Amino acid sequence: MADDMSWTRSRSAREPVEIDTSVPSIARVYDAILGGKDNYPVDQEIAEQVARAFPDGGEGARTNRRLLVRAVRYMARQGIDQFLDIGSGLPTAQNTHQVAQEVNPGAKVVYVDNDPIVLAHGRALLEDDDRTVVVTADIREPDVLLGHPDVTGMLDPDRPVGLILNAVVHHLLDEEDPDGLVETYKKWLGPGGYLLLTHFCSSTPEALGLESVLRQALGRGQLRSMARIAAFFEGLEMVEPGVVYLPYWQPDEPVKAPLDIAGLLVAGGMGRKPGR
């Protein structure tokens, strides 16, 4: 995550998006791992390092994406019609707005990422969709993010919101107070809203090798235990089956056991804010 926030702009401003292709980006590295085309040699180099340290062929990332689809569909079926997807990354198949709008065509979605390339691609993808916007902002600055005019103009926090922190909190280092940041977003979430959070889990030696690559190459990436991941949901009513390895979260088909390293890479769950 870049520390310079000077390029944060509203999508509606339509200003040119400047992309530094000499510096690796978390969003573009994920895109390279998934076999996408929206990345550069500097990102591909890190993706190759990740593949050597964690040889799952990108299946862990795909497992995380499949969980996102199941979870958004679940929230939409519970009546959630507005979503805030922080750390959304580059567009790929079955994005949050597509899944939500399959259930409810009127669902609104705000995507947030700190990489300006996400804004550029979002503009193209969402040119004719007035129910979905892309915002450039940083999870570490919740006041800026939540106060962004495209967030306040699209979402009503007094009504239930689906808050998505999918594979983003593990890019916050302990010294950046991830617990406090997640708590701030939970406080913003109104009664009846949901939090979806997924996180790299430190349960295998291979995962710890991945952490080393992320820290060296990107300067960030911190795996945490299942108990630490579960703590992010404190105060929420957990949706079954609670905090688990992602293949076990309300699967669409039977899960083959035991899980391989890809299945053990990411843990997470969903909680509902009580009161409605």
C-alpha atoms as a PDB file:
ATOM      1  CA  MET A   1       0.000   0.000   0.000  1.00  0.00           C
ATOM      2  CA  ALA A   2       1.433   3.333  -0.982  1.00  0.00           C
ATOM      3  CA  ASP A   3       1.758   5.945   1.765  1.00  0.00           C
ATOM      4  CA  ASP A   4       1.249   8.884  -0.630  1.00  0.00           C
ATOM      5  CA  MET A   5      -2.480   9.543  -0.814  1.00  0.00           C
ATOM      6  CA  SER A   6      -2.187  12.629  -3.049  1.00  0.00           C
ATOM      7  CA  TRP A   7      -3.737  10.771  -5.990  1.00  0.00           C
ATOM      8  CA  THR A   8      -6.966   9.979  -4.151  1.00  0.00           C
ATOM      9  CA  ARG A   9      -9.778  11.342  -6.322  1.00  0.00           C
ATOM     10  CA  SER A  10     -13.486  10.854  -6.868  1.00  0.00           C
ATOM     11  CA  ARG A  11     -14.454   8.686  -9.814  1.00  0.00           C
ATOM     12  CA  SER A  12     -16.811  11.424 -10.884  1.00  0.00           C
ATOM     13  CA  ALA A  13     -13.903  13.848 -11.328  1.00  0.00           C
ATOM     14  CA  ARG A  14     -12.791  11.884 -14.408  1.00  0.00           C
ATOM     15  CA  GLU A  15      -9.192  13.004 -13.977  1.00  0.00           C
ATOM     16  CA  PRO A  16      -6.487  11.029 -15.773  1.00  0.00           C
ATOM     17  CA  VAL A  17      -5.215   8.105 -13.720  1.00  0.00           C
ATOM     18  CA  GLU A  18      -1.451   7.946 -13.300  1.00  0.00           C
ATOM     19  CA  ILE A  19       0.000   4.457 -12.783  1.00  0.00           C
ATOM     20  CA  ASP A  20       3.597   3.857 -11.697  1.00  0.00           C
ATOM     21  CA  THR A  21       4.614   0.631 -13.429  1.00  0.00           C
ATOM     22  CA  SER A  22       8.048   0.599 -11.803  1.00  0.00           C
ATOM     23  CA  VAL A  23       6.648  -0.126  -8.346  1.00  0.00           C
ATOM     24  CA  PRO A  24       4.816  -3.396  -7.565  1.00  0.00           C
ATOM     25  CA  SER A  25       1.173  -3.223  -6.572  1.00  0.00           C
ATOM     26  CA  ILE A  26      -0.748  -5.633  -4.355  1.00  0.00           C
ATOM     27  CA  ALA A  27      -3.747  -5.553  -6.713  1.00  0.00           C
ATOM     28  CA  ARG A  28      -1.587  -6.226  -9.777  1.00  0.00           C
ATOM     29  CA  VAL A  29       0.389  -9.009  -8.053  1.00  0.00           C
ATOM     30  CA  TYR A  30      -2.892 -10.761  -7.221  1.00  0.00           C
ATOM     31  CA  ASP A  31      -3.937 -10.283 -10.838  1.00  0.00           C
ATOM     32  CA  ALA A  32      -0.689 -11.902 -12.016  1.00  0.00           C
ATOM     33  CA  ILE A  33      -1.151 -14.833  -9.611  1.00  0.00           C
ATOM     34  CA  LEU A  34      -4.634 -15.371 -11.033  1.00  0.00           C
ATOM     35  CA  GLY A  35      -3.274 -15.333 -14.594  1.00  0.00           C
ATOM     36  CA  GLY A  36      -4.713 -11.924 -15.468  1.00  0.00           C
ATOM     37  CA  LYS A  37      -3.349  -9.433 -17.978  1.00  0.00           C
ATOM     38  CA  ASP A  38      -3.523  -6.218 -15.958  1.00  0.00           C
ATOM     39  CA  ASN A  39      -0.029  -6.398 -14.494  1.00  0.00           C
ATOM     40  CA  TYR A  40       3.552  -5.496 -15.335  1.00  0.00           C
ATOM     41  CA  PRO A  41       6.976  -7.196 -15.168  1.00  0.00           C
ATOM     42  CA  VAL A  42       7.604  -5.870 -11.663  1.00  0.00           C
ATOM     43  CA  ASP A  43       4.356  -7.513 -10.491  1.00  0.00           C
ATOM     44  CA  GLN A  44       5.021 -10.722 -12.423  1.00  0.00           C
ATOM     45  CA  GLU A  45       8.401 -11.071 -10.738  1.00  0.00           C
ATOM     46  CA  ILE A  46       6.797 -11.050  -7.296  1.00  0.00           C
ATOM     47  CA  ALA A  47       4.071 -13.431  -8.455  1.00  0.00           C
ATOM     48  CA  GLU A  48       6.826 -15.838  -9.500  1.00  0.00           C
ATOM     49  CA  GLN A  49       8.472 -15.506  -6.081  1.00  0.00           C
ATOM     50  CA  VAL A  50       5.129 -16.256  -4.454  1.00  0.00           C
ATOM     51  CA  ALA A  51       4.702 -19.326  -6.650  1.00  0.00           C
ATOM     52  CA  ARG A  52       8.102 -20.667  -5.597  1.00  0.00           C
ATOM     53  CA  ALA A  53       7.404 -20.087  -1.898  1.00  0.00           C
ATOM     54  CA  PHE A  54       3.796 -21.268  -2.051  1.00  0.00           C
ATOM     55  CA  PRO A  55       3.368 -23.701  -4.963  1.00  0.00           C
ATOM     56  CA  ASP A  56      -0.424 -23.929  -5.125  1.00  0.00           C
ATOM     57  CA  GLY A  57      -0.804 -22.677  -8.682  1.00  0.00           C
ATOM     58  CA  GLY A  58      -2.878 -19.727  -7.500  1.00  0.00           C
ATOM     59  CA  GLU A  59      -5.605 -21.991  -6.115  1.00  0.00           C
ATOM     60  CA  GLY A  60      -5.591 -20.207  -2.746  1.00  0.00           C
ATOM     61  CA  ALA A  61      -6.494 -16.935  -4.479  1.00  0.00           C
ATOM     62  CA  ARG A  62      -9.224 -18.639  -6.490  1.00  0.00           C
ATOM     63  CA  THR A  63     -10.591 -20.262  -3.325  1.00  0.00           C
ATOM     64  CA  ASN A  64     -10.808 -16.813  -1.754  1.00  0.00           C
ATOM     65  CA  ARG A  65     -12.627 -15.467  -4.800  1.00  0.00           C
ATOM     66  CA  ARG A  66     -15.163 -18.303  -4.758  1.00  0.00           C
ATOM     67  CA  LEU A  67     -15.843 -17.557  -1.097  1.00  0.00           C
ATOM     68  CA  LEU A  68     -16.519 -13.921  -1.972  1.00  0.00           C
ATOM     69  CA  VAL A  69     -19.175 -15.010  -4.466  1.00  0.00           C
ATOM     70  CA  ARG A  70     -20.903 -17.285  -1.938  1.00  0.00           C
ATOM     71  CA  ALA A  71     -20.794 -14.656   0.788  1.00  0.00           C
ATOM     72  CA  VAL A  72     -22.122 -11.780  -1.326  1.00  0.00           C
ATOM     73  CA  ARG A  73     -24.924 -13.994  -2.586  1.00  0.00           C
ATOM     74  CA  TYR A  74     -25.754 -14.921   1.021  1.00  0.00           C
ATOM     75  CA  MET A  75     -25.899 -11.273   2.121  1.00  0.00           C
ATOM     76  CA  ALA A  76     -28.012 -10.254  -0.861  1.00  0.00           C
ATOM     77  CA  ARG A  77     -30.468 -13.057  -0.098  1.00  0.00           C
ATOM     78  CA  GLN A  78     -30.742 -11.706   3.463  1.00  0.00           C
ATOM     79  CA  GLY A  79     -31.924  -8.414   2.016  1.00  0.00           C
ATOM     80  CA  ILE A  80     -28.626  -6.500   1.937  1.00  0.00           C
ATOM     81  CA  ASP A  81     -28.817  -4.118  -1.006  1.00  0.00           C
ATOM     82  CA  GLN A  82     -25.732  -1.937  -0.414  1.00  0.00           C
ATOM     83  CA  PHE A  83     -22.123  -3.066  -0.179  1.00  0.00           C
ATOM     84  CA  LEU A  84     -18.773  -1.479   0.674  1.00  0.00           C
ATOM     85  CA  ASP A  85     -15.945  -3.618  -0.751  1.00  0.00           C
ATOM     86  CA  ILE A  86     -12.614  -2.368   0.646  1.00  0.00           C
ATOM     87  CA  GLY A  87      -9.414  -3.615  -0.971  1.00  0.00           C
ATOM     88  CA  SER A  88     -11.448  -4.894  -3.892  1.00  0.00           C
ATOM     89  CA  GLY A  89      -8.532  -5.348  -6.289  1.00  0.00           C
ATOM     90  CA  LEU A  90      -8.807  -5.523 -10.054  1.00  0.00           C
ATOM     91  CA  PRO A  91     -12.069  -6.605 -11.708  1.00  0.00           C
ATOM     92  CA  THR A  92     -12.338 -10.294 -12.498  1.00  0.00           C
ATOM     93  CA  ALA A  93     -15.124 -12.804 -13.076  1.00  0.00           C
ATOM     94  CA  GLN A  94     -18.161 -12.511 -10.796  1.00  0.00           C
ATOM     95  CA  ASN A  95     -17.419  -9.222  -9.096  1.00  0.00           C
ATOM     96  CA  THR A  96     -19.353  -8.105  -6.031  1.00  0.00           C
ATOM     97  CA  HIS A  97     -21.805  -5.912  -7.968  1.00  0.00           C
ATOM     98  CA  GLN A  98     -22.528  -8.663 -10.484  1.00  0.00           C
ATOM     99  CA  VAL A  99     -23.257 -11.245  -7.803  1.00  0.00           C
ATOM    100  CA  ALA A 100     -25.359  -8.859  -5.692  1.00  0.00           C
ATOM    101  CA  GLN A 101     -27.319  -7.555  -8.674  1.00  0.00           C
ATOM    102  CA  GLU A 102     -28.153 -11.085  -9.813  1.00  0.00           C
ATOM    103  CA  VAL A 103     -30.172 -11.357  -6.600  1.00  0.00           C
ATOM    104  CA  ASN A 104     -31.320  -7.731  -6.437  1.00  0.00           C
ATOM    105  CA  PRO A 105     -30.865  -5.629  -9.598  1.00  0.00           C
ATOM    106  CA  GLY A 106     -31.122  -2.483  -7.471  1.00  0.00           C
ATOM    107  CA  ALA A 107     -28.182  -3.342  -5.216  1.00  0.00           C
ATOM    108  CA  LYS A 108     -25.548  -0.609  -4.831  1.00  0.00           C
ATOM    109  CA  VAL A 109     -21.819  -1.293  -4.520  1.00  0.00           C
ATOM    110  CA  VAL A 110     -18.844   0.923  -3.691  1.00  0.00           C
ATOM    111  CA  TYR A 111     -15.454  -0.573  -4.496  1.00  0.00           C
ATOM    112  CA  VAL A 112     -12.425   0.858  -2.694  1.00  0.00           C
ATOM    113  CA  ASP A 113      -8.762   0.250  -3.443  1.00  0.00           C
ATOM    114  CA  ASN A 114      -5.607   2.294  -2.950  1.00  0.00           C
ATOM    115  CA  ASP A 115      -4.198   1.358  -6.364  1.00  0.00           C
ATOM    116  CA  PRO A 116      -5.184   3.862  -9.097  1.00  0.00           C
ATOM    117  CA  ILE A 117      -5.172   1.096 -11.725  1.00  0.00           C
ATOM    118  CA  VAL A 118      -8.327  -0.251 -10.057  1.00  0.00           C
ATOM    119  CA  LEU A 119      -9.970   3.131 -10.586  1.00  0.00           C
ATOM    120  CA  ALA A 120      -8.955   3.132 -14.247  1.00  0.00           C
ATOM    121  CA  HIS A 121     -10.379  -0.327 -14.907  1.00  0.00           C
ATOM    122  CA  GLY A 122     -13.451   0.384 -12.813  1.00  0.00           C
ATOM    123  CA  ARG A 123     -14.284   3.420 -14.917  1.00  0.00           C
ATOM    124  CA  ALA A 124     -14.332   1.267 -18.037  1.00  0.00           C
ATOM    125  CA  LEU A 125     -16.245  -1.605 -16.442  1.00  0.00           C
ATOM    126  CA  LEU A 126     -18.897   0.549 -14.787  1.00  0.00           C
ATOM    127  CA  GLU A 127     -19.380   3.279 -17.360  1.00  0.00           C
ATOM    128  CA  ASP A 128     -23.106   2.559 -17.684  1.00  0.00           C
ATOM    129  CA  ASP A 129     -23.806   1.363 -14.134  1.00  0.00           C
ATOM    130  CA  ASP A 130     -25.060   4.186 -11.910  1.00  0.00           C
ATOM    131  CA  ARG A 131     -25.453   1.806  -8.942  1.00  0.00           C
ATOM    132  CA  THR A 132     -21.740   1.039  -8.657  1.00  0.00           C
ATOM    133  CA  VAL A 133     -18.708   3.300  -8.158  1.00  0.00           C
ATOM    134  CA  VAL A 134     -14.981   2.879  -7.593  1.00  0.00           C
ATOM    135  CA  VAL A 135     -13.151   4.993  -5.012  1.00  0.00           C
ATOM    136  CA  THR A 136      -9.414   5.393  -4.578  1.00  0.00           C
ATOM    137  CA  ALA A 137      -8.700   5.428  -0.844  1.00  0.00           C
ATOM    138  CA  ASP A 138      -6.703   3.572   1.795  1.00  0.00           C
ATOM    139  CA  ILE A 139      -8.102   1.258   4.472  1.00  0.00           C
ATOM    140  CA  ARG A 140      -5.648   2.815   6.940  1.00  0.00           C
ATOM    141  CA  GLU A 141      -7.456   6.175   6.699  1.00  0.00           C
ATOM    142  CA  PRO A 142     -11.050   5.320   7.647  1.00  0.00           C
ATOM    143  CA  ASP A 143     -12.123   8.942   8.110  1.00  0.00           C
ATOM    144  CA  VAL A 144     -11.017   9.780   4.573  1.00  0.00           C
ATOM    145  CA  LEU A 145     -12.472   6.589   3.129  1.00  0.00           C
ATOM    146  CA  LEU A 146     -15.837   6.699   4.879  1.00  0.00           C
ATOM    147  CA  GLY A 147     -16.144  10.437   4.282  1.00  0.00           C
ATOM    148  CA  HIS A 148     -15.427  10.211   0.564  1.00  0.00           C
ATOM    149  CA  PRO A 149     -18.301  11.836  -1.354  1.00  0.00           C
ATOM    150  CA  ASP A 150     -18.818   8.748  -3.520  1.00  0.00           C
ATOM    151  CA  VAL A 151     -19.187   6.641  -0.369  1.00  0.00           C
ATOM    152  CA  THR A 152     -21.523   9.021   1.436  1.00  0.00           C
ATOM    153  CA  GLY A 153     -23.458   9.666  -1.768  1.00  0.00           C
ATOM    154  CA  MET A 154     -24.035   5.990  -2.542  1.00  0.00           C
ATOM    155  CA  LEU A 155     -24.401   4.271   0.844  1.00  0.00           C
ATOM    156  CA  ASP A 156     -26.710   4.926   3.794  1.00  0.00           C
ATOM    157  CA  PRO A 157     -24.998   3.621   6.961  1.00  0.00           C
ATOM    158  CA  ASP A 158     -28.270   3.946   8.868  1.00  0.00           C
ATOM    159  CA  ARG A 159     -29.485   0.995   6.805  1.00  0.00           C
ATOM    160  CA  PRO A 160     -27.759  -2.427   6.775  1.00  0.00           C
ATOM    161  CA  VAL A 161     -24.589  -2.552   4.684  1.00  0.00           C
ATOM    162  CA  GLY A 162     -22.508  -5.513   3.601  1.00  0.00           C
ATOM    163  CA  LEU A 163     -18.928  -4.563   4.545  1.00  0.00           C
ATOM    164  CA  ILE A 164     -16.342  -6.642   2.692  1.00  0.00           C
ATOM    165  CA  LEU A 165     -12.724  -6.924   3.898  1.00  0.00           C
ATOM    166  CA  ASN A 166     -11.715  -9.745   1.598  1.00  0.00           C
ATOM    167  CA  ALA A 167      -7.988 -10.594   1.712  1.00  0.00           C
ATOM    168  CA  VAL A 168      -7.010  -7.077   2.747  1.00  0.00           C
ATOM    169  CA  VAL A 169      -6.443  -7.051   6.535  1.00  0.00           C
ATOM    170  CA  HIS A 170      -3.427  -9.373   6.232  1.00  0.00           C
ATOM    171  CA  HIS A 171      -1.698  -6.494   4.414  1.00  0.00           C
ATOM    172  CA  LEU A 172      -1.918  -4.430   7.611  1.00  0.00           C
ATOM    173  CA  LEU A 173       1.068  -4.833   9.916  1.00  0.00           C
ATOM    174  CA  ASP A 174       0.573  -5.135  13.666  1.00  0.00           C
ATOM    175  CA  GLU A 175       2.104  -1.696  14.179  1.00  0.00           C
ATOM    176  CA  GLU A 176      -0.663  -0.253  11.980  1.00  0.00           C
ATOM    177  CA  ASP A 177      -3.297  -1.376  14.519  1.00  0.00           C
ATOM    178  CA  PRO A 178      -5.426  -3.675  12.361  1.00  0.00           C
ATOM    179  CA  ASP A 179      -7.707  -4.451  15.327  1.00  0.00           C
ATOM    180  CA  GLY A 180      -8.427  -0.768  15.869  1.00  0.00           C
ATOM    181  CA  LEU A 181      -9.023  -0.160  12.172  1.00  0.00           C
ATOM    182  CA  VAL A 182     -11.452  -3.073  11.838  1.00  0.00           C
ATOM    183  CA  GLU A 183     -13.226  -1.866  14.984  1.00  0.00           C
ATOM    184  CA  THR A 184     -13.643   1.596  13.417  1.00  0.00           C
ATOM    185  CA  TYR A 185     -15.311   0.088  10.356  1.00  0.00           C
ATOM    186  CA  LYS A 186     -17.503  -2.115  12.549  1.00  0.00           C
ATOM    187  CA  LYS A 187     -18.674   0.964  14.474  1.00  0.00           C
ATOM    188  CA  TRP A 188     -19.627   2.615  11.175  1.00  0.00           C
ATOM    189  CA  LEU A 189     -21.642  -0.465  10.251  1.00  0.00           C
ATOM    190  CA  GLY A 190     -25.262  -0.048  11.258  1.00  0.00           C
ATOM    191  CA  PRO A 191     -27.445  -2.654  13.023  1.00  0.00           C
ATOM    192  CA  GLY A 192     -28.285  -5.553  10.741  1.00  0.00           C
ATOM    193  CA  GLY A 193     -25.186  -5.019   8.626  1.00  0.00           C
ATOM    194  CA  TYR A 194     -22.682  -7.768   7.884  1.00  0.00           C
ATOM    195  CA  LEU A 195     -18.900  -7.990   7.972  1.00  0.00           C
ATOM    196  CA  LEU A 196     -17.161 -10.431   5.640  1.00  0.00           C
ATOM    197  CA  LEU A 197     -13.463 -10.792   6.444  1.00  0.00           C
ATOM    198  CA  THR A 198     -10.908 -13.235   5.029  1.00  0.00           C
ATOM    199  CA  HIS A 199      -7.252 -13.408   6.014  1.00  0.00           C
ATOM    200  CA  PHE A 200      -4.106 -15.431   5.297  1.00  0.00           C
ATOM    201  CA  CYS A 201      -3.740 -18.001   8.085  1.00  0.00           C
ATOM    202  CA  SER A 202      -0.414 -18.978   9.670  1.00  0.00           C
ATOM    203  CA  SER A 203      -1.273 -22.663  10.045  1.00  0.00           C
ATOM    204  CA  THR A 204       1.258 -24.160   7.591  1.00  0.00           C
ATOM    205  CA  PRO A 205       5.008 -23.796   6.980  1.00  0.00           C
ATOM    206  CA  GLU A 206       4.264 -22.959   3.340  1.00  0.00           C
ATOM    207  CA  ALA A 207       2.069 -20.046   4.403  1.00  0.00           C
ATOM    208  CA  LEU A 208       4.859 -18.651   6.550  1.00  0.00           C
ATOM    209  CA  GLY A 209       7.131 -18.822   3.509  1.00  0.00           C
ATOM    210  CA  LEU A 210       4.575 -16.768   1.605  1.00  0.00           C
ATOM    211  CA  GLU A 211       4.586 -14.170   4.370  1.00  0.00           C
ATOM    212  CA  SER A 212       8.355 -13.813   4.031  1.00  0.00           C
ATOM    213  CA  VAL A 213       8.061 -13.130   0.296  1.00  0.00           C
ATOM    214  CA  LEU A 214       5.298 -10.563   0.800  1.00  0.00           C
ATOM    215  CA  ARG A 215       7.235  -8.728   3.494  1.00  0.00           C
ATOM    216  CA  GLN A 216      10.429  -8.617   1.442  1.00  0.00           C
ATOM    217  CA  ALA A 217       8.851  -7.778  -1.903  1.00  0.00           C
ATOM    218  CA  LEU A 218       5.934  -5.534  -0.918  1.00  0.00           C
ATOM    219  CA  GLY A 219       6.942  -4.411   2.556  1.00  0.00           C
ATOM    220  CA  ARG A 220       3.735  -5.805   4.014  1.00  0.00           C
ATOM    221  CA  GLY A 221       1.907  -9.033   4.569  1.00  0.00           C
ATOM    222  CA  GLN A 222       1.263 -10.497   8.014  1.00  0.00           C
ATOM    223  CA  LEU A 223      -0.238 -13.913   8.561  1.00  0.00           C
ATOM    224  CA  ARG A 224      -2.235 -14.479  11.734  1.00  0.00           C
ATOM    225  CA  SER A 225      -3.616 -17.450  13.638  1.00  0.00           C
ATOM    226  CA  MET A 226      -7.193 -18.654  13.438  1.00  0.00           C
ATOM    227  CA  ALA A 227      -7.784 -17.217  16.929  1.00  0.00           C
ATOM    228  CA  ARG A 228      -6.459 -13.793  15.892  1.00  0.00           C
ATOM    229  CA  ILE A 229      -8.632 -13.812  12.791  1.00  0.00           C
ATOM    230  CA  ALA A 230     -11.693 -14.756  14.871  1.00  0.00           C
ATOM    231  CA  ALA A 231     -10.990 -11.808  17.201  1.00  0.00           C
ATOM    232  CA  PHE A 232     -11.760  -9.343  14.402  1.00  0.00           C
ATOM    233  CA  PHE A 233     -15.422 -10.412  14.676  1.00  0.00           C
ATOM    234  CA  GLU A 234     -15.775  -9.618  18.379  1.00  0.00           C
ATOM    235  CA  GLY A 235     -19.202  -8.168  19.134  1.00  0.00           C
ATOM    236  CA  LEU A 236     -20.860  -9.599  16.026  1.00  0.00           C
ATOM    237  CA  GLU A 237     -23.290 -12.488  15.688  1.00  0.00           C
ATOM    238  CA  MET A 238     -21.450 -15.107  13.657  1.00  0.00           C
ATOM    239  CA  VAL A 239     -23.041 -16.643  10.598  1.00  0.00           C
ATOM    240  CA  GLU A 240     -22.632 -20.427  10.506  1.00  0.00           C
ATOM    241  CA  PRO A 241     -20.166 -22.102  10.423  1.00  0.00           C
ATOM    242  CA  GLY A 242     -18.181 -19.282  12.063  1.00  0.00           C
ATOM    243  CA  VAL A 243     -14.510 -18.636  11.318  1.00  0.00           C
ATOM    244  CA  VAL A 244     -13.155 -21.526   9.268  1.00  0.00           C
ATOM    245  CA  TYR A 245     -10.847 -22.345   6.387  1.00  0.00           C
ATOM    246  CA  LEU A 246     -12.643 -20.965   3.358  1.00  0.00           C
ATOM    247  CA  PRO A 247     -13.551 -24.242   1.623  1.00  0.00           C
ATOM    248  CA  TYR A 248     -15.681 -25.055   4.693  1.00  0.00           C
ATOM    249  CA  TRP A 249     -17.709 -21.819   4.625  1.00  0.00           C
ATOM    250  CA  GLN A 250     -21.145 -22.763   3.258  1.00  0.00           C
ATOM    251  CA  PRO A 251     -19.701 -24.711   0.292  1.00  0.00           C
ATOM    252  CA  ASP A 252     -21.697 -25.225  -2.873  1.00  0.00           C
ATOM    253  CA  GLU A 253     -20.490 -28.827  -3.117  1.00  0.00           C
ATOM    254  CA  PRO A 254     -18.891 -31.410  -0.810  1.00  0.00           C
ATOM    255  CA  VAL A 255     -15.371 -30.531   0.363  1.00  0.00           C
ATOM    256  CA  LYS A 256     -12.619 -33.074  -0.133  1.00  0.00           C
ATOM    257  CA  ALA A 257     -10.651 -33.762   3.042  1.00  0.00           C
ATOM    258  CA  PRO A 258      -7.960 -33.301   4.077  1.00  0.00           C
ATOM    259  CA  LEU A 259      -7.466 -29.803   2.727  1.00  0.00           C
ATOM    260  CA  ASP A 260      -4.324 -29.121   0.724  1.00  0.00           C
ATOM    261  CA  ILE A 261      -2.064 -26.102   1.283  1.00  0.00           C
ATOM    262  CA  ALA A 262      -4.332 -23.899  -0.844  1.00  0.00           C
ATOM    263  CA  GLY A 263      -7.355 -24.820   1.267  1.00  0.00           C
ATOM    264  CA  LEU A 264      -5.456 -24.029   4.454  1.00  0.00           C
ATOM    265  CA  LEU A 265      -4.092 -20.690   3.248  1.00  0.00           C
ATOM    266  CA  VAL A 266      -7.059 -18.419   3.988  1.00  0.00           C
ATOM    267  CA  ALA A 267      -9.516 -18.394   6.880  1.00  0.00           C
ATOM    268  CA  GLY A 268     -12.446 -16.131   7.514  1.00  0.00           C
ATOM    269  CA  GLY A 269     -16.107 -15.769   8.166  1.00  0.00           C
ATOM    270  CA  MET A 270     -19.066 -13.444   8.373  1.00  0.00           C
ATOM    271  CA  GLY A 271     -20.649 -11.683  11.308  1.00  0.00           C
ATOM    272  CA  ARG A 272     -23.870  -9.700  11.660  1.00  0.00           C
ATOM    273  CA  LYS A 273     -24.103  -6.569  13.750  1.00  0.00           C
ATOM    274  CA  PRO A 274     -26.914  -7.073  16.261  1.00  0.00           C
ATOM    275  CA  GLY A 275     -29.741  -4.664  16.904  1.00  0.00           C
ATOM    276  CA  ARG A 276     -32.168  -5.103  14.023  1.00  0.00           C
END
